[in-house]
Structures are given as structure tokens and as C-alpha cells.
Amino acid sequence: MTTGKIVLANDEDHVLKVIVDRLEHYGFLVYAARDGRECLELVARHEPDLVLLDVRMPEMGEVFAHN
């Protein structure tokens, strides 16, 4: 049973892995993105309950940081 769906965006693989592991440990279904475009695609495809993102990443980081 999952607790909820989360899209997580971060361009640093080691950070992404640690956070994904922890969230999955607590029962969340996690979709990981490595840039802003991938994040938007995952949000549109999976309609998550929560989006956690690093605002300073390649491909649209500046869009997230100013909105």
C-alpha cells in the first residue's frame, strides 16, 4: 500500500538516491526527475500528491525559481 505519489527533481544523482530511498522506505511511490523538463513530464503523466524539487537545476531551473 502506498502512502502517496511524489515527483522528486534533483540533478545530483547521490542526493536523488538518498531521498528516493527514504521516501520509498516510508511507503511513497516516487518518480525521480533529473531536470526541469523531465519533472514537468512526470507531473503531467502521474498527477502526484506532492512535488519536491531543487530549483537550481538544468533545463528550466530558472522557471521554477521565479514562480
PDB file of N, CA and C in Angstrom:
ATOM      1  N   MET A   1       0.847  -1.182   0.000  1.00  0.00           N
ATOM      2  CA  MET A   1       0.000   0.000   0.000  1.00  0.00           C
ATOM      3  C   MET A   1       0.893   1.245   0.000  1.00  0.00           C
ATOM      4  N   THR A   2       0.640   2.155  -0.924  1.00  0.00           N
ATOM      5  CA  THR A   2       1.445   3.366  -0.977  1.00  0.00           C
ATOM      6  C   THR A   2       0.801   4.478  -0.171  1.00  0.00           C
ATOM      7  N   THR A   3       1.650   5.333   0.375  1.00  0.00           N
ATOM      8  CA  THR A   3       1.203   6.477   1.156  1.00  0.00           C
ATOM      9  C   THR A   3       0.756   7.605   0.242  1.00  0.00           C
ATOM     10  N   GLY A   4       1.375   7.728  -0.915  1.00  0.00           N
ATOM     11  CA  GLY A   4       1.058   8.767  -1.879  1.00  0.00           C
ATOM     12  C   GLY A   4       2.100   8.783  -2.973  1.00  0.00           C
ATOM     13  N   LYS A   5       1.835   9.595  -4.004  1.00  0.00           N
ATOM     14  CA  LYS A   5       2.759   9.712  -5.133  1.00  0.00           C
ATOM     15  C   LYS A   5       3.526  11.030  -5.037  1.00  0.00           C
ATOM     16  N   ILE A   6       4.838  10.944  -5.247  1.00  0.00           N
ATOM     17  CA  ILE A   6       5.698  12.122  -5.185  1.00  0.00           C
ATOM     18  C   ILE A   6       6.574  12.171  -6.429  1.00  0.00           C
ATOM     19  N   VAL A   7       6.664  13.351  -7.040  1.00  0.00           N
ATOM     20  CA  VAL A   7       7.674  13.591  -8.064  1.00  0.00           C
ATOM     21  C   VAL A   7       8.800  14.350  -7.380  1.00  0.00           C
ATOM     22  N   LEU A   8       9.996  13.824  -7.506  1.00  0.00           N
ATOM     23  CA  LEU A   8      11.182  14.414  -6.894  1.00  0.00           C
ATOM     24  C   LEU A   8      12.142  14.812  -7.996  1.00  0.00           C
ATOM     25  N   ALA A   9      12.583  16.052  -8.001  1.00  0.00           N
ATOM     26  CA  ALA A   9      13.502  16.533  -9.036  1.00  0.00           C
ATOM     27  C   ALA A   9      14.782  17.067  -8.401  1.00  0.00           C
ATOM     28  N   ASN A  10      15.911  16.508  -8.856  1.00  0.00           N
ATOM     29  CA  ASN A  10      17.219  16.964  -8.392  1.00  0.00           C
ATOM     30  C   ASN A  10      18.249  16.493  -9.410  1.00  0.00           C
ATOM     31  N   ASP A  11      19.192  17.354  -9.748  1.00  0.00           N
ATOM     32  CA  ASP A  11      20.178  16.993 -10.764  1.00  0.00           C
ATOM     33  C   ASP A  11      21.416  16.305 -10.193  1.00  0.00           C
ATOM     34  N   GLU A  12      21.476  16.111  -8.902  1.00  0.00           N
ATOM     35  CA  GLU A  12      22.608  15.422  -8.282  1.00  0.00           C
ATOM     36  C   GLU A  12      22.184  14.002  -7.932  1.00  0.00           C
ATOM     37  N   ASP A  13      22.753  13.029  -8.640  1.00  0.00           N
ATOM     38  CA  ASP A  13      22.333  11.637  -8.502  1.00  0.00           C
ATOM     39  C   ASP A  13      22.409  11.110  -7.075  1.00  0.00           C
ATOM     40  N   HIS A  14      23.480  11.449  -6.348  1.00  0.00           N
ATOM     41  CA  HIS A  14      23.618  10.928  -4.982  1.00  0.00           C
ATOM     42  C   HIS A  14      22.531  11.494  -4.061  1.00  0.00           C
ATOM     43  N   VAL A  15      22.162  12.737  -4.241  1.00  0.00           N
ATOM     44  CA  VAL A  15      21.091  13.346  -3.440  1.00  0.00           C
ATOM     45  C   VAL A  15      19.758  12.693  -3.799  1.00  0.00           C
ATOM     46  N   LEU A  16      19.516  12.524  -5.085  1.00  0.00           N
ATOM     47  CA  LEU A  16      18.286  11.909  -5.563  1.00  0.00           C
ATOM     48  C   LEU A  16      18.119  10.512  -4.976  1.00  0.00           C
ATOM     49  N   LYS A  17      19.188   9.718  -5.005  1.00  0.00           N
ATOM     50  CA  LYS A  17      19.118   8.346  -4.497  1.00  0.00           C
ATOM     51  C   LYS A  17      18.781   8.299  -3.005  1.00  0.00           C
ATOM     52  N   VAL A  18      19.430   9.127  -2.218  1.00  0.00           N
ATOM     53  CA  VAL A  18      19.179   9.127  -0.770  1.00  0.00           C
ATOM     54  C   VAL A  18      17.726   9.485  -0.471  1.00  0.00           C
ATOM     55  N   ILE A  19      17.216  10.526  -1.130  1.00  0.00           N
ATOM     56  CA  ILE A  19      15.847  10.970  -0.858  1.00  0.00           C
ATOM     57  C   ILE A  19      14.834   9.941  -1.355  1.00  0.00           C
ATOM     58  N   VAL A  20      15.059   9.395  -2.550  1.00  0.00           N
ATOM     59  CA  VAL A  20      14.150   8.363  -3.073  1.00  0.00           C
ATOM     60  C   VAL A  20      14.117   7.169  -2.122  1.00  0.00           C
ATOM     61  N   ASP A  21      15.275   6.705  -1.683  1.00  0.00           N
ATOM     62  CA  ASP A  21      15.334   5.563  -0.764  1.00  0.00           C
ATOM     63  C   ASP A  21      14.532   5.817   0.510  1.00  0.00           C
ATOM     64  N   ARG A  22      14.678   6.991   1.092  1.00  0.00           N
ATOM     65  CA  ARG A  22      13.971   7.314   2.325  1.00  0.00           C
ATOM     66  C   ARG A  22      12.459   7.386   2.103  1.00  0.00           C
ATOM     67  N   LEU A  23      12.055   8.057   1.043  1.00  0.00           N
ATOM     68  CA  LEU A  23      10.624   8.200   0.772  1.00  0.00           C
ATOM     69  C   LEU A  23       9.979   6.844   0.481  1.00  0.00           C
ATOM     70  N   GLU A  24      10.665   6.011  -0.299  1.00  0.00           N
ATOM     71  CA  GLU A  24      10.132   4.679  -0.583  1.00  0.00           C
ATOM     72  C   GLU A  24      10.070   3.831   0.680  1.00  0.00           C
ATOM     73  N   HIS A  25      11.036   4.001   1.566  1.00  0.00           N
ATOM     74  CA  HIS A  25      11.028   3.288   2.844  1.00  0.00           C
ATOM     75  C   HIS A  25       9.745   3.573   3.630  1.00  0.00           C
ATOM     76  N   TYR A  26       9.238   4.795   3.519  1.00  0.00           N
ATOM     77  CA  TYR A  26       8.020   5.187   4.228  1.00  0.00           C
ATOM     78  C   TYR A  26       6.750   4.960   3.410  1.00  0.00           C
ATOM     79  N   GLY A  27       6.870   4.253   2.295  1.00  0.00           N
ATOM     80  CA  GLY A  27       5.694   3.834   1.554  1.00  0.00           C
ATOM     81  C   GLY A  27       5.249   4.725   0.411  1.00  0.00           C
ATOM     82  N   PHE A  28       6.032   5.727   0.076  1.00  0.00           N
ATOM     83  CA  PHE A  28       5.659   6.601  -1.033  1.00  0.00           C
ATOM     84  C   PHE A  28       6.094   5.998  -2.364  1.00  0.00           C
ATOM     85  N   LEU A  29       5.303   6.240  -3.387  1.00  0.00           N
ATOM     86  CA  LEU A  29       5.679   5.905  -4.755  1.00  0.00           C
ATOM     87  C   LEU A  29       6.365   7.144  -5.317  1.00  0.00           C
ATOM     88  N   VAL A  30       7.642   7.012  -5.683  1.00  0.00           N
ATOM     89  CA  VAL A  30       8.444   8.174  -6.066  1.00  0.00           C
ATOM     90  C   VAL A  30       8.852   8.083  -7.533  1.00  0.00           C
ATOM     91  N   TYR A  31       8.631   9.175  -8.249  1.00  0.00           N
ATOM     92  CA  TYR A  31       9.077   9.326  -9.625  1.00  0.00           C
ATOM     93  C   TYR A  31      10.199  10.351  -9.611  1.00  0.00           C
ATOM     94  N   ALA A  32      11.375   9.964 -10.083  1.00  0.00           N
ATOM     95  CA  ALA A  32      12.550  10.826  -9.998  1.00  0.00           C
ATOM     96  C   ALA A  32      12.858  11.484 -11.336  1.00  0.00           C
ATOM     97  N   ALA A  33      13.119  12.785 -11.284  1.00  0.00           N
ATOM     98  CA  ALA A  33      13.494  13.562 -12.461  1.00  0.00           C
ATOM     99  C   ALA A  33      14.858  14.188 -12.234  1.00  0.00           C
ATOM    100  N   ARG A  34      15.635  14.302 -13.305  1.00  0.00           N
ATOM    101  CA  ARG A  34      16.978  14.876 -13.198  1.00  0.00           C
ATOM    102  C   ARG A  34      17.081  16.280 -13.785  1.00  0.00           C
ATOM    103  N   ASP A  35      15.968  16.781 -14.329  1.00  0.00           N
ATOM    104  CA  ASP A  35      15.950  18.165 -14.806  1.00  0.00           C
ATOM    105  C   ASP A  35      14.497  18.661 -14.842  1.00  0.00           C
ATOM    106  N   GLY A  36      14.347  19.942 -15.119  1.00  0.00           N
ATOM    107  CA  GLY A  36      13.027  20.563 -15.073  1.00  0.00           C
ATOM    108  C   GLY A  36      12.043  20.027 -16.084  1.00  0.00           C
ATOM    109  N   ARG A  37      12.509  19.767 -17.287  1.00  0.00           N
ATOM    110  CA  ARG A  37      11.605  19.236 -18.315  1.00  0.00           C
ATOM    111  C   ARG A  37      11.084  17.860 -17.936  1.00  0.00           C
ATOM    112  N   GLU A  38      11.967  17.014 -17.455  1.00  0.00           N
ATOM    113  CA  GLU A  38      11.552  15.681 -17.032  1.00  0.00           C
ATOM    114  C   GLU A  38      10.573  15.776 -15.866  1.00  0.00           C
ATOM    115  N   CYS A  39      10.795  16.712 -14.967  1.00  0.00           N
ATOM    116  CA  CYS A  39       9.899  16.914 -13.841  1.00  0.00           C
ATOM    117  C   CYS A  39       8.490  17.255 -14.325  1.00  0.00           C
ATOM    118  N   LEU A  40       8.384  18.202 -15.244  1.00  0.00           N
ATOM    119  CA  LEU A  40       7.077  18.586 -15.771  1.00  0.00           C
ATOM    120  C   LEU A  40       6.388  17.418 -16.473  1.00  0.00           C
ATOM    121  N   GLU A  41       7.153  16.619 -17.198  1.00  0.00           N
ATOM    122  CA  GLU A  41       6.579  15.448 -17.869  1.00  0.00           C
ATOM    123  C   GLU A  41       6.029  14.445 -16.857  1.00  0.00           C
ATOM    124  N   LEU A  42       6.791  14.202 -15.787  1.00  0.00           N
ATOM    125  CA  LEU A  42       6.343  13.257 -14.758  1.00  0.00           C
ATOM    126  C   LEU A  42       5.109  13.769 -14.018  1.00  0.00           C
ATOM    127  N   VAL A  43       5.063  15.061 -13.762  1.00  0.00           N
ATOM    128  CA  VAL A  43       3.889  15.649 -13.099  1.00  0.00           C
ATOM    129  C   VAL A  43       2.646  15.469 -13.970  1.00  0.00           C
ATOM    130  N   ALA A  44       2.783  15.756 -15.262  1.00  0.00           N
ATOM    131  CA  ALA A  44       1.643  15.613 -16.174  1.00  0.00           C
ATOM    132  C   ALA A  44       1.200  14.156 -16.297  1.00  0.00           C
ATOM    133  N   ARG A  45       2.151  13.234 -16.325  1.00  0.00           N
ATOM    134  CA  ARG A  45       1.848  11.812 -16.524  1.00  0.00           C
ATOM    135  C   ARG A  45       1.274  11.143 -15.280  1.00  0.00           C
ATOM    136  N   HIS A  46       1.789  11.503 -14.095  1.00  0.00           N
ATOM    137  CA  HIS A  46       1.441  10.752 -12.881  1.00  0.00           C
ATOM    138  C   HIS A  46       0.543  11.488 -11.893  1.00  0.00           C
ATOM    139  N   GLU A  47       0.323  12.777 -12.094  1.00  0.00           N
ATOM    140  CA  GLU A  47      -0.519  13.575 -11.200  1.00  0.00           C
ATOM    141  C   GLU A  47      -0.212  13.289  -9.718  1.00  0.00           C
ATOM    142  N   PRO A  48       0.995  13.653  -9.282  1.00  0.00           N
ATOM    143  CA  PRO A  48       1.423  13.324  -7.914  1.00  0.00           C
ATOM    144  C   PRO A  48       0.678  14.127  -6.853  1.00  0.00           C
ATOM    145  N   ASP A  49       0.774  13.648  -5.634  1.00  0.00           N
ATOM    146  CA  ASP A  49       0.220  14.355  -4.482  1.00  0.00           C
ATOM    147  C   ASP A  49       1.149  15.480  -4.035  1.00  0.00           C
ATOM    148  N   LEU A  50       2.436  15.338  -4.346  1.00  0.00           N
ATOM    149  CA  LEU A  50       3.443  16.299  -3.907  1.00  0.00           C
ATOM    150  C   LEU A  50       4.588  16.338  -4.912  1.00  0.00           C
ATOM    151  N   VAL A  51       5.150  17.527  -5.119  1.00  0.00           N
ATOM    152  CA  VAL A  51       6.340  17.691  -5.952  1.00  0.00           C
ATOM    153  C   VAL A  51       7.430  18.320  -5.088  1.00  0.00           C
ATOM    154  N   LEU A  52       8.575  17.656  -5.006  1.00  0.00           N
ATOM    155  CA  LEU A  52       9.737  18.184  -4.297  1.00  0.00           C
ATOM    156  C   LEU A  52      10.808  18.449  -5.330  1.00  0.00           C
ATOM    157  N   LEU A  53      11.308  19.691  -5.378  1.00  0.00           N
ATOM    158  CA  LEU A  53      12.283  19.964  -6.411  1.00  0.00           C
ATOM    159  C   LEU A  53      13.390  20.886  -5.964  1.00  0.00           C
ATOM    160  N   ASP A  54      14.513  20.676  -6.611  1.00  0.00           N
ATOM    161  CA  ASP A  54      15.685  21.533  -6.481  1.00  0.00           C
ATOM    162  C   ASP A  54      15.494  22.639  -7.509  1.00  0.00           C
ATOM    163  N   VAL A  55      15.437  23.871  -7.092  1.00  0.00           N
ATOM    164  CA  VAL A  55      15.141  24.963  -8.015  1.00  0.00           C
ATOM    165  C   VAL A  55      16.345  25.381  -8.852  1.00  0.00           C
ATOM    166  N   ARG A  56      17.514  24.907  -8.539  1.00  0.00           N
ATOM    167  CA  ARG A  56      18.709  25.234  -9.324  1.00  0.00           C
ATOM    168  C   ARG A  56      19.196  23.993 -10.058  1.00  0.00           C
ATOM    169  N   MET A  57      18.534  23.697 -11.167  1.00  0.00           N
ATOM    170  CA  MET A  57      18.906  22.551 -11.972  1.00  0.00           C
ATOM    171  C   MET A  57      18.855  22.916 -13.443  1.00  0.00           C
ATOM    172  N   PRO A  58      19.464  22.083 -14.275  1.00  0.00           N
ATOM    173  CA  PRO A  58      19.415  22.337 -15.716  1.00  0.00           C
ATOM    174  C   PRO A  58      17.991  22.200 -16.251  1.00  0.00           C
ATOM    175  N   GLU A  59      17.786  22.757 -17.426  1.00  0.00           N
ATOM    176  CA  GLU A  59      16.506  22.626 -18.115  1.00  0.00           C
ATOM    177  C   GLU A  59      15.343  23.158 -17.289  1.00  0.00           C
ATOM    178  N   MET A  60      15.216  24.427 -17.232  1.00  0.00           N
ATOM    179  CA  MET A  60      14.071  25.105 -16.649  1.00  0.00           C
ATOM    180  C   MET A  60      14.193  25.409 -15.170  1.00  0.00           C
ATOM    181  N   GLY A  61      15.341  25.245 -14.574  1.00  0.00           N
ATOM    182  CA  GLY A  61      15.504  25.597 -13.168  1.00  0.00           C
ATOM    183  C   GLY A  61      15.124  27.040 -12.901  1.00  0.00           C
ATOM    184  N   GLU A  62      15.452  27.926 -13.852  1.00  0.00           N
ATOM    185  CA  GLU A  62      15.131  29.343 -13.684  1.00  0.00           C
ATOM    186  C   GLU A  62      13.621  29.588 -13.692  1.00  0.00           C
ATOM    187  N   VAL A  63      12.857  28.769 -14.385  1.00  0.00           N
ATOM    188  CA  VAL A  63      11.394  28.906 -14.386  1.00  0.00           C
ATOM    189  C   VAL A  63      10.849  28.601 -12.998  1.00  0.00           C
ATOM    190  N   PHE A  64      11.307  27.506 -12.392  1.00  0.00           N
ATOM    191  CA  PHE A  64      10.836  27.120 -11.070  1.00  0.00           C
ATOM    192  C   PHE A  64      11.246  28.147 -10.016  1.00  0.00           C
ATOM    193  N   ALA A  65      12.422  28.695 -10.139  1.00  0.00           N
ATOM    194  CA  ALA A  65      12.952  29.615  -9.130  1.00  0.00           C
ATOM    195  C   ALA A  65      12.200  30.941  -9.082  1.00  0.00           C
ATOM    196  N   HIS A  66      11.581  31.339 -10.187  1.00  0.00           N
ATOM    197  CA  HIS A  66      10.931  32.651 -10.239  1.00  0.00           C
ATOM    198  C   HIS A  66       9.411  32.582 -10.176  1.00  0.00           C
ATOM    199  N   ASN A  67       8.834  31.401 -10.047  1.00  0.00           N
ATOM    200  CA  ASN A  67       7.364  31.297  -9.988  1.00  0.00           C
ATOM    201  C   ASN A  67       6.914  30.777  -8.658  1.00  0.00           C
TER     202      ASN A  67
END
